C-alpha cells in the first residue's frame, strides 16, 4: 500500500516537473526565440508588412483595400476615381444577401465558389465589365480579367499592369496631372514575376496610390 502511494506520488511529481519544464521551453523560451529572430531578420514581415506614408501606417502591402467617396442610396460604395481602384473583392456579391465579402473585410476572406457558368456570376461580371469600359473609356474587349473578377482570398492587394495602365488616363484627369507622369508611376510600381518565373507581373494598389497622392500634392 505504501509502495503504491509512493509510486503514485513519484509519478505525479515527475508529471508536474515535466509540465513545468515543457511550459517554460515551449510556452516561454521558444516563442521568445522565434519572435526575436523574426524581429531581427524579418522585421517588416513579422509586423504585418505595414505600409507607411509620412510616418503614419496606412495599411499592409499584403491586404487590399477600397478607395471610395461614400455610398449611394442603396448603400453601395461609390469608387473615388482620383485613386487607382483594386480588383473586386470576393465574387461581386452582397454581404447582406449571401455573406460574400465586397468591402475587403478582413473577417470575411474567401471566394464566392461560384462556377464559371453560374448565371449570377456571369451577370455580375458583365455589369462590372460594362462599368469599367464606360468609366475608363475603353472597349469591353480591352478590360482585363482582374478588373471584373476577385482573387481566391478576396483580399488581393495587387492588380495587373494592364488594369493599372487602363485607369491611368482617368486618374490623371481627376487629379489634374499629366497622363505621362501617372503612367510612369504605374511603370515604376510594377513588380515582375517572383524569382523571374513565378506568378504574373503586378502592381500594388496601395503603394501606387501613395505615390500618386504624393505626386498630386507636390504639384498642388
Protein backbone atom coordinates (compact mmCIF):
# COMPACT_ATOMS: atom_id res chain seq x y z
CA UNK A 1 0.00 0.00 0.00
CA UNK A 2 2.78 2.37 0.96
CA UNK A 3 4.68 1.47 -2.23
CA UNK A 4 1.60 2.19 -4.30
CA UNK A 5 1.13 5.63 -2.71
CA UNK A 6 4.83 6.36 -3.06
CA UNK A 7 4.85 5.38 -6.73
CA UNK A 8 1.76 7.47 -7.41
CA UNK A 9 3.30 10.47 -5.68
CA UNK A 10 6.53 9.99 -7.64
CA UNK A 11 4.67 9.81 -10.96
CA UNK A 12 2.61 12.88 -10.13
CA UNK A 13 5.78 14.75 -9.15
CA UNK A 14 7.52 13.69 -12.36
CA UNK A 15 4.49 14.74 -14.39
CA UNK A 16 4.36 18.15 -12.74
CA UNK A 17 8.09 18.69 -13.29
CA UNK A 18 7.74 17.69 -16.94
CA UNK A 19 4.76 20.05 -17.29
CA UNK A 20 6.73 22.91 -15.77
CA UNK A 21 9.82 22.30 -17.92
CA UNK A 22 7.84 21.93 -21.15
CA UNK A 23 5.77 25.00 -20.31
CA UNK A 24 8.93 27.08 -19.87
CA UNK A 25 10.56 25.68 -23.03
CA UNK A 26 7.55 25.61 -25.35
CA UNK A 27 5.50 28.40 -23.85
CA UNK A 28 8.20 30.94 -22.97
CA UNK A 29 11.64 30.27 -24.42
CA UNK A 30 10.60 29.02 -27.87
CA UNK A 31 8.13 31.87 -28.59
CA UNK A 32 10.70 34.44 -27.40
CA UNK A 33 13.42 32.96 -29.64
CA UNK A 34 11.14 32.78 -32.69
CA UNK A 35 9.84 36.30 -32.08
CA UNK A 36 13.37 37.62 -31.59
CA UNK A 37 14.67 36.02 -34.80
CA UNK A 38 11.64 37.24 -36.75
CA UNK A 39 12.02 40.79 -35.47
CA UNK A 40 15.74 40.83 -36.17
CA UNK A 41 15.77 39.15 -39.58
CA UNK A 42 12.28 39.87 -40.96
CA UNK A 43 11.12 42.93 -39.04
CA UNK A 44 8.73 44.26 -41.68
CA UNK A 45 7.09 40.93 -42.46
CA UNK A 46 6.86 39.98 -38.78
CA UNK A 47 4.87 43.15 -38.14
CA UNK A 48 2.33 42.63 -40.89
CA UNK A 49 4.19 44.16 -43.85
CA UNK A 50 2.93 47.59 -42.84
CA UNK A 51 2.98 50.40 -45.37
CA UNK A 52 3.60 53.91 -44.07
CA UNK A 53 3.04 57.32 -45.57
CA UNK A 54 4.68 60.36 -43.95
CA UNK A 55 5.30 58.37 -40.79
CA UNK A 56 1.74 57.03 -40.49
CA UNK A 57 0.73 53.41 -41.06
CA UNK A 58 -1.87 53.38 -43.83
CA UNK A 59 -2.26 49.66 -44.47
CA UNK A 60 -0.48 46.44 -45.32
CA UNK A 61 1.17 45.55 -48.60
CA UNK A 62 -0.47 42.11 -48.28
CA UNK A 63 -4.09 43.25 -47.88
CA UNK A 64 -6.17 45.11 -50.44
CA UNK A 65 -8.48 47.97 -49.55
CA UNK A 66 -11.13 50.07 -51.21
CA UNK A 67 -10.91 53.71 -52.30
CA UNK A 68 -14.38 55.17 -52.12
CA UNK A 69 -16.02 58.54 -51.58
CA UNK A 70 -19.12 57.39 -49.75
CA UNK A 71 -22.12 55.25 -50.64
CA UNK A 72 -25.18 55.64 -52.81
CA UNK A 73 -28.80 55.50 -51.62
CA UNK A 74 -28.73 51.71 -51.74
CA UNK A 75 -25.65 51.60 -49.54
CA UNK A 76 -23.29 50.56 -52.34
CA UNK A 77 -19.80 52.11 -52.26
CA UNK A 78 -19.02 54.84 -54.79
CA UNK A 79 -15.46 54.45 -56.13
CA UNK A 80 -13.27 57.54 -55.83
CA UNK A 81 -11.80 57.79 -59.31
CA UNK A 82 -8.99 60.04 -58.09
CA UNK A 83 -7.36 56.82 -56.97
CA UNK A 84 -6.48 53.59 -58.73
CA UNK A 85 -9.16 51.03 -57.97
CA UNK A 86 -8.46 47.46 -56.79
CA UNK A 87 -9.94 44.33 -58.24
CA UNK A 88 -13.39 43.25 -56.99
CA UNK A 89 -13.49 41.52 -53.64
CA UNK A 90 -14.93 38.00 -53.49
CA UNK A 91 -17.44 37.41 -56.21
CA UNK A 92 -19.10 40.82 -56.61
CA UNK A 93 -21.83 39.66 -54.27
CA UNK A 94 -23.54 41.40 -51.38
CA UNK A 95 -22.64 40.88 -47.74
CA UNK A 96 -26.27 41.41 -46.82
CA UNK A 97 -27.69 38.69 -49.06
CA UNK A 98 -25.10 35.95 -49.25
CA UNK A 99 -22.28 36.75 -46.86
CA UNK A 100 -19.76 37.42 -49.61
CA UNK A 101 -17.09 39.98 -48.86
CA UNK A 102 -17.37 43.03 -51.13
CA UNK A 103 -15.64 45.52 -48.84
CA UNK A 104 -12.21 43.94 -48.31
CA UNK A 105 -13.45 42.98 -44.85
CA UNK A 106 -10.69 41.04 -43.12
CA UNK A 107 -13.26 38.95 -41.25
CA UNK A 108 -14.72 37.57 -44.48
CA UNK A 109 -11.86 36.16 -46.52
CA UNK A 110 -12.62 33.71 -49.29
CA UNK A 111 -14.07 33.28 -52.75
CA UNK A 112 -17.72 33.02 -53.73
CA UNK A 113 -17.14 29.49 -55.12
CA UNK A 114 -19.49 30.30 -57.99
CA UNK A 115 -18.75 28.34 -61.17
CA UNK A 116 -17.98 29.97 -64.50
CA UNK A 117 -21.45 29.06 -65.76
CA UNK A 118 -23.28 30.46 -62.73
CA UNK A 119 -25.83 32.99 -64.01
CA UNK A 120 -25.37 35.38 -61.07
CA UNK A 121 -21.61 35.46 -61.56
CA UNK A 122 -21.90 35.88 -65.33
CA UNK A 123 -24.34 38.75 -64.87
CA UNK A 124 -22.12 40.44 -62.27
CA UNK A 125 -19.02 40.12 -64.44
CA UNK A 126 -20.84 41.59 -67.45
CA UNK A 127 -22.08 44.52 -65.36
CA UNK A 128 -18.60 45.12 -63.97
CA UNK A 129 -17.04 44.94 -67.43
CA UNK A 130 -19.53 47.48 -68.76
CA UNK A 131 -18.81 49.81 -65.81
CA UNK A 132 -15.04 49.58 -66.27
CA UNK A 133 -15.28 50.15 -70.04
CA UNK A 134 -17.59 53.14 -69.64
CA UNK A 135 -15.71 54.67 -66.71
CA UNK A 136 -12.28 54.46 -68.29
CA UNK A 137 -13.30 54.92 -71.91
CA UNK A 138 -12.08 51.65 -73.39
CA UNK A 139 -13.79 48.86 -75.38
CA UNK A 140 -15.08 45.99 -73.29
CA UNK A 141 -12.69 43.71 -75.16
CA UNK A 142 -9.80 45.63 -73.58
CA UNK A 143 -10.96 45.10 -69.98
CA UNK A 144 -8.56 42.66 -68.24
CA UNK A 145 -9.86 39.71 -66.25
CA UNK A 146 -8.71 41.02 -62.86
CA UNK A 147 -10.88 44.13 -63.34
CA UNK A 148 -14.03 42.02 -63.21
CA UNK A 149 -13.10 39.01 -61.05
CA UNK A 150 -11.86 38.65 -57.50
CA UNK A 151 -8.97 36.64 -56.13
CA UNK A 152 -9.38 33.41 -54.19
CA UNK A 153 -8.98 35.22 -50.87
CA UNK A 154 -10.93 38.31 -51.89
CA UNK A 155 -8.15 40.38 -50.33
CA UNK A 156 -5.65 40.63 -53.19
CA UNK A 157 -3.62 43.86 -52.84
CA UNK A 158 -2.39 43.79 -56.44
CA UNK A 159 -3.79 44.42 -59.89
CA UNK A 160 -2.29 43.63 -63.28
CA UNK A 161 -0.18 46.27 -65.06
CA UNK A 162 -2.83 46.19 -67.81
CA UNK A 163 -5.59 47.22 -65.41
CA UNK A 164 -3.39 49.91 -63.85
CA UNK A 165 -2.49 51.37 -67.27
CA UNK A 166 -6.16 51.28 -68.27
CA UNK A 167 -7.00 53.50 -65.28
CA UNK A 168 -4.07 55.91 -65.71
CA UNK A 169 -5.68 58.46 -68.05
CA UNK A 170 -8.82 58.83 -65.91
CA UNK A 171 -6.79 59.06 -62.69
CA UNK A 172 -4.55 61.71 -64.27
CA UNK A 173 -7.57 63.73 -65.37
CA UNK A 174 -9.24 63.53 -61.96
CA UNK A 175 -6.04 64.76 -60.27
CA UNK A 176 -5.17 67.37 -62.94
CA UNK A 177 -1.88 65.60 -63.65
CA UNK A 178 -0.08 64.86 -66.93
CA UNK A 179 -1.03 61.40 -68.15
CA UNK A 180 2.60 60.60 -68.83
CA UNK A 181 3.51 61.24 -65.19
CA UNK A 182 0.81 58.86 -63.96
CA UNK A 183 1.76 56.22 -66.50
CA UNK A 184 5.35 56.48 -65.28
CA UNK A 185 4.14 55.90 -61.72
CA UNK A 186 2.47 52.70 -62.89
CA UNK A 187 5.67 51.61 -64.58
CA UNK A 188 7.77 52.42 -61.52
CA UNK A 189 5.46 50.38 -59.26
CA UNK A 190 5.17 47.34 -61.49
CA UNK A 191 6.83 44.26 -59.99
CA UNK A 192 7.90 41.38 -62.20
CA UNK A 193 7.39 37.68 -61.65
CA UNK A 194 8.78 36.34 -58.37
CA UNK A 195 12.24 34.85 -59.00
CA UNK A 196 11.67 35.67 -62.64
CA UNK A 197 9.19 32.88 -63.34
CA UNK A 198 6.60 32.57 -60.54
CA UNK A 199 3.24 34.32 -60.83
CA UNK A 200 2.50 37.31 -63.03
CA UNK A 201 3.67 40.94 -63.13
CA UNK A 202 1.67 43.00 -60.64
CA UNK A 203 1.09 46.46 -59.22
CA UNK A 204 0.45 47.02 -55.52
CA UNK A 205 -2.54 49.38 -55.44
CA UNK A 206 -1.85 50.85 -52.01
CA UNK A 207 1.76 51.70 -52.79
CA UNK A 208 0.78 53.12 -56.18
CA UNK A 209 -1.91 55.32 -54.64
CA UNK A 210 0.50 56.63 -52.01
CA UNK A 211 2.92 57.66 -54.77
CA UNK A 212 0.03 59.21 -56.70
CA UNK A 213 -1.09 61.24 -53.71
CA UNK A 214 2.45 62.47 -53.10
CA UNK A 215 2.76 63.48 -56.76
CA UNK A 216 -0.56 65.33 -56.69
CA UNK A 217 0.40 67.18 -53.50
CA UNK A 218 3.81 68.15 -54.84
CA UNK A 219 2.17 69.73 -57.88
CA UNK A 220 -0.65 71.32 -55.89
